Amino acid sequence: MPSPTSPATALAPSSSSSAVKPSQCRPGTLAGELRLALLRSSRRLRMERSSSEITDAQYSVLHALAKLGPLTPGALAEREHVQPPSMTRTVTSLVEAGLVSRGEHPTDRRQVLVTVTPAGEQEVRETRRRRDAWLAKRLAGLTLAERTTLAEATEILRRIATT
């Protein structure tokens, strides 16, 4: 795991961030800047996991199973937008790590259900805790006005993502 950047350094405003120019609010310009900021933030946040042994794709499957309950490999592949053979490899890795188990489907004996194990649930909880802690530490270095702006932006981003 890389060493975290100190909050003061990481959150020091750049000279251009104190005054937003009208040109920065044009949809095309804002889209590019926002995309880059979201990607960098997401990439850094993903680095905070409880184990370096599992990949982002494996964690995504664990999270889905912890949230939604048992799913077939086909449903997981569809949800994760990957081909079934890729999902089979991912599930096999997670089974070998003891984070998920395969079991019989209750209504279709040709299918299997993948279920998160207690160890897998612990992995999801600890990763979520680490990610929340990392982000909370950075948010604590912001002013109340900046956190208010981010709270408002969170609602706007949620709307953008669901429309």
Protein backbone atom coordinates (compact mmCIF):
# COMPACT_ATOMS: atom_id res chain seq x y z
CA MET A 1 0.00 0.00 0.00
CA PRO A 2 1.46 3.40 -0.86
CA SER A 3 1.94 5.83 1.97
CA PRO A 4 -0.94 8.26 2.26
CA THR A 5 -0.32 11.86 1.35
CA SER A 6 -0.54 14.25 4.25
CA PRO A 7 -3.96 15.94 4.37
CA ALA A 8 -2.45 19.43 4.32
CA THR A 9 -0.47 18.71 1.16
CA ALA A 10 -3.22 16.72 -0.51
CA LEU A 11 -5.87 19.34 0.13
CA ALA A 12 -3.93 22.54 -0.43
CA PRO A 13 -6.01 24.50 -2.92
CA SER A 14 -4.36 25.26 -6.21
CA SER A 15 -4.22 28.89 -7.25
CA SER A 16 -6.81 28.27 -9.96
CA SER A 17 -9.33 26.59 -7.61
CA SER A 18 -10.11 29.68 -5.52
CA ALA A 19 -11.95 31.50 -8.31
CA VAL A 20 -13.96 29.49 -10.83
CA LYS A 21 -13.89 31.06 -14.26
CA PRO A 22 -17.06 31.09 -16.38
CA SER A 23 -15.22 29.11 -19.06
CA GLN A 24 -14.70 26.28 -16.51
CA CYS A 25 -18.49 25.96 -16.17
CA ARG A 26 -19.13 25.17 -19.83
CA PRO A 27 -20.50 21.62 -20.03
CA GLY A 28 -17.68 20.36 -22.28
CA THR A 29 -14.89 21.87 -20.19
CA LEU A 30 -16.49 20.88 -16.90
CA ALA A 31 -17.09 17.34 -18.16
CA GLY A 32 -13.41 16.82 -18.89
CA GLU A 33 -12.23 18.30 -15.59
CA LEU A 34 -14.86 16.48 -13.54
CA ARG A 35 -14.16 13.16 -15.28
CA LEU A 36 -10.46 13.44 -14.53
CA ALA A 37 -11.04 14.43 -10.88
CA LEU A 38 -13.52 11.57 -10.37
CA LEU A 39 -11.21 9.02 -11.98
CA ARG A 40 -8.22 10.08 -9.90
CA SER A 41 -10.28 10.13 -6.70
CA SER A 42 -11.79 6.74 -7.47
CA ARG A 43 -8.41 5.24 -8.31
CA ARG A 44 -6.92 6.52 -5.05
CA LEU A 45 -9.90 5.35 -3.01
CA ARG A 46 -9.70 1.86 -4.55
CA MET A 47 -6.16 1.57 -3.22
CA GLU A 48 -7.61 1.40 0.29
CA ARG A 49 -8.50 -2.27 0.69
CA SER A 50 -8.04 -4.64 3.55
CA SER A 51 -6.07 -7.07 1.39
CA SER A 52 -3.69 -6.60 -1.49
CA GLU A 53 -4.37 -10.23 -2.38
CA ILE A 54 -7.64 -9.54 -4.20
CA THR A 55 -8.12 -7.48 -7.33
CA ASP A 56 -10.60 -4.66 -7.90
CA ALA A 57 -12.71 -7.03 -10.01
CA GLN A 58 -12.75 -9.64 -7.25
CA TYR A 59 -13.66 -7.02 -4.66
CA SER A 60 -16.50 -5.81 -6.88
CA VAL A 61 -17.92 -9.36 -6.99
CA LEU A 62 -17.54 -9.73 -3.21
CA HIS A 63 -19.32 -6.43 -2.66
CA ALA A 64 -22.16 -7.43 -5.00
CA LEU A 65 -22.65 -10.74 -3.22
CA ALA A 66 -22.53 -9.11 0.22
CA LYS A 67 -25.10 -6.53 -0.86
CA LEU A 68 -27.42 -8.62 -3.06
CA GLY A 69 -27.02 -12.13 -1.69
CA PRO A 70 -26.28 -15.32 -3.63
CA LEU A 71 -26.11 -15.00 -7.43
CA THR A 72 -25.34 -17.28 -10.33
CA PRO A 73 -22.04 -16.80 -12.14
CA GLY A 74 -24.06 -15.71 -15.20
CA ALA A 75 -25.88 -13.03 -13.21
CA LEU A 76 -22.56 -11.86 -11.76
CA ALA A 77 -21.00 -11.71 -15.24
CA GLU A 78 -23.91 -9.65 -16.52
CA ARG A 79 -23.81 -7.32 -13.53
CA GLU A 80 -20.04 -6.82 -13.82
CA HIS A 81 -20.15 -6.50 -17.63
CA VAL A 82 -17.71 -9.35 -18.26
CA GLN A 83 -17.89 -12.57 -20.23
CA PRO A 84 -18.91 -15.74 -18.33
CA PRO A 85 -15.46 -17.38 -18.65
CA SER A 86 -13.88 -14.33 -16.98
CA MET A 87 -16.40 -14.51 -14.16
CA THR A 88 -15.73 -18.23 -13.75
CA ARG A 89 -12.02 -17.44 -13.21
CA THR A 90 -12.87 -14.66 -10.76
CA VAL A 91 -15.24 -16.88 -8.76
CA THR A 92 -12.69 -19.71 -8.74
CA SER A 93 -10.05 -17.36 -7.31
CA LEU A 94 -12.47 -16.16 -4.63
CA VAL A 95 -13.44 -19.77 -3.76
CA GLU A 96 -9.75 -20.69 -3.44
CA ALA A 97 -9.24 -17.69 -1.14
CA GLY A 98 -12.19 -18.81 1.02
CA LEU A 99 -14.12 -15.59 0.36
CA VAL A 100 -17.05 -17.16 -1.53
CA SER A 101 -18.55 -20.61 -1.88
CA ARG A 102 -20.42 -22.38 -4.63
CA GLY A 103 -23.66 -24.18 -3.86
CA GLU A 104 -26.63 -25.80 -5.54
CA HIS A 105 -29.27 -23.61 -7.12
CA PRO A 106 -32.59 -24.31 -5.37
CA THR A 107 -34.68 -24.56 -8.56
CA ASP A 108 -32.24 -25.34 -11.40
CA ARG A 109 -29.75 -28.15 -10.83
CA ARG A 110 -27.78 -27.06 -13.92
CA GLN A 111 -26.85 -23.83 -12.17
CA VAL A 112 -24.79 -22.97 -9.12
CA LEU A 113 -25.15 -20.12 -6.70
CA VAL A 114 -22.18 -18.14 -5.49
CA THR A 115 -22.43 -16.98 -1.88
CA VAL A 116 -20.12 -14.74 0.11
CA THR A 117 -18.55 -16.47 3.12
CA PRO A 118 -18.08 -14.86 6.54
CA ALA A 119 -14.45 -14.19 5.57
CA GLY A 120 -15.66 -12.48 2.39
CA GLU A 121 -18.13 -10.37 4.37
CA GLN A 122 -15.30 -9.36 6.71
CA GLU A 123 -13.18 -8.38 3.69
CA VAL A 124 -15.99 -6.14 2.39
CA ARG A 125 -16.58 -4.55 5.84
CA GLU A 126 -12.89 -3.87 6.44
CA THR A 127 -12.33 -2.45 2.96
CA ARG A 128 -15.35 -0.18 3.35
CA ARG A 129 -14.06 0.93 6.76
CA ARG A 130 -10.60 1.71 5.37
CA ARG A 131 -12.00 3.64 2.42
CA ASP A 132 -14.36 5.65 4.62
CA ALA A 133 -11.52 6.41 7.06
CA TRP A 134 -9.20 7.55 4.26
CA LEU A 135 -11.83 9.85 2.82
CA ALA A 136 -12.98 11.16 6.21
CA LYS A 137 -9.39 12.10 7.06
CA ARG A 138 -9.13 14.15 3.88
CA LEU A 139 -12.55 15.73 4.38
CA ALA A 140 -11.57 16.76 7.91
CA GLY A 141 -8.87 18.97 6.36
CA LEU A 142 -11.45 20.98 4.43
CA THR A 143 -13.36 24.02 5.56
CA LEU A 144 -17.03 23.79 6.45
CA ALA A 145 -17.83 25.71 3.24
CA GLU A 146 -15.85 23.21 1.16
CA ARG A 147 -17.57 20.24 2.85
CA THR A 148 -20.94 21.91 2.24
CA THR A 149 -20.06 22.29 -1.43
CA LEU A 150 -19.08 18.61 -1.59
CA ALA A 151 -22.33 17.58 0.13
CA GLU A 152 -24.27 19.50 -2.50
CA ALA A 153 -22.09 18.04 -5.27
CA THR A 154 -22.72 14.54 -3.92
CA GLU A 155 -26.44 14.98 -4.46
CA ILE A 156 -25.87 16.36 -7.96
CA LEU A 157 -23.53 13.49 -8.85
CA ARG A 158 -26.07 10.99 -7.55
CA ARG A 159 -28.69 12.56 -9.85
CA ILE A 160 -26.32 12.48 -12.83
CA ALA A 161 -25.53 8.81 -12.20
CA THR A 162 -29.19 7.76 -11.99
CA THR A 163 -30.60 9.61 -14.99
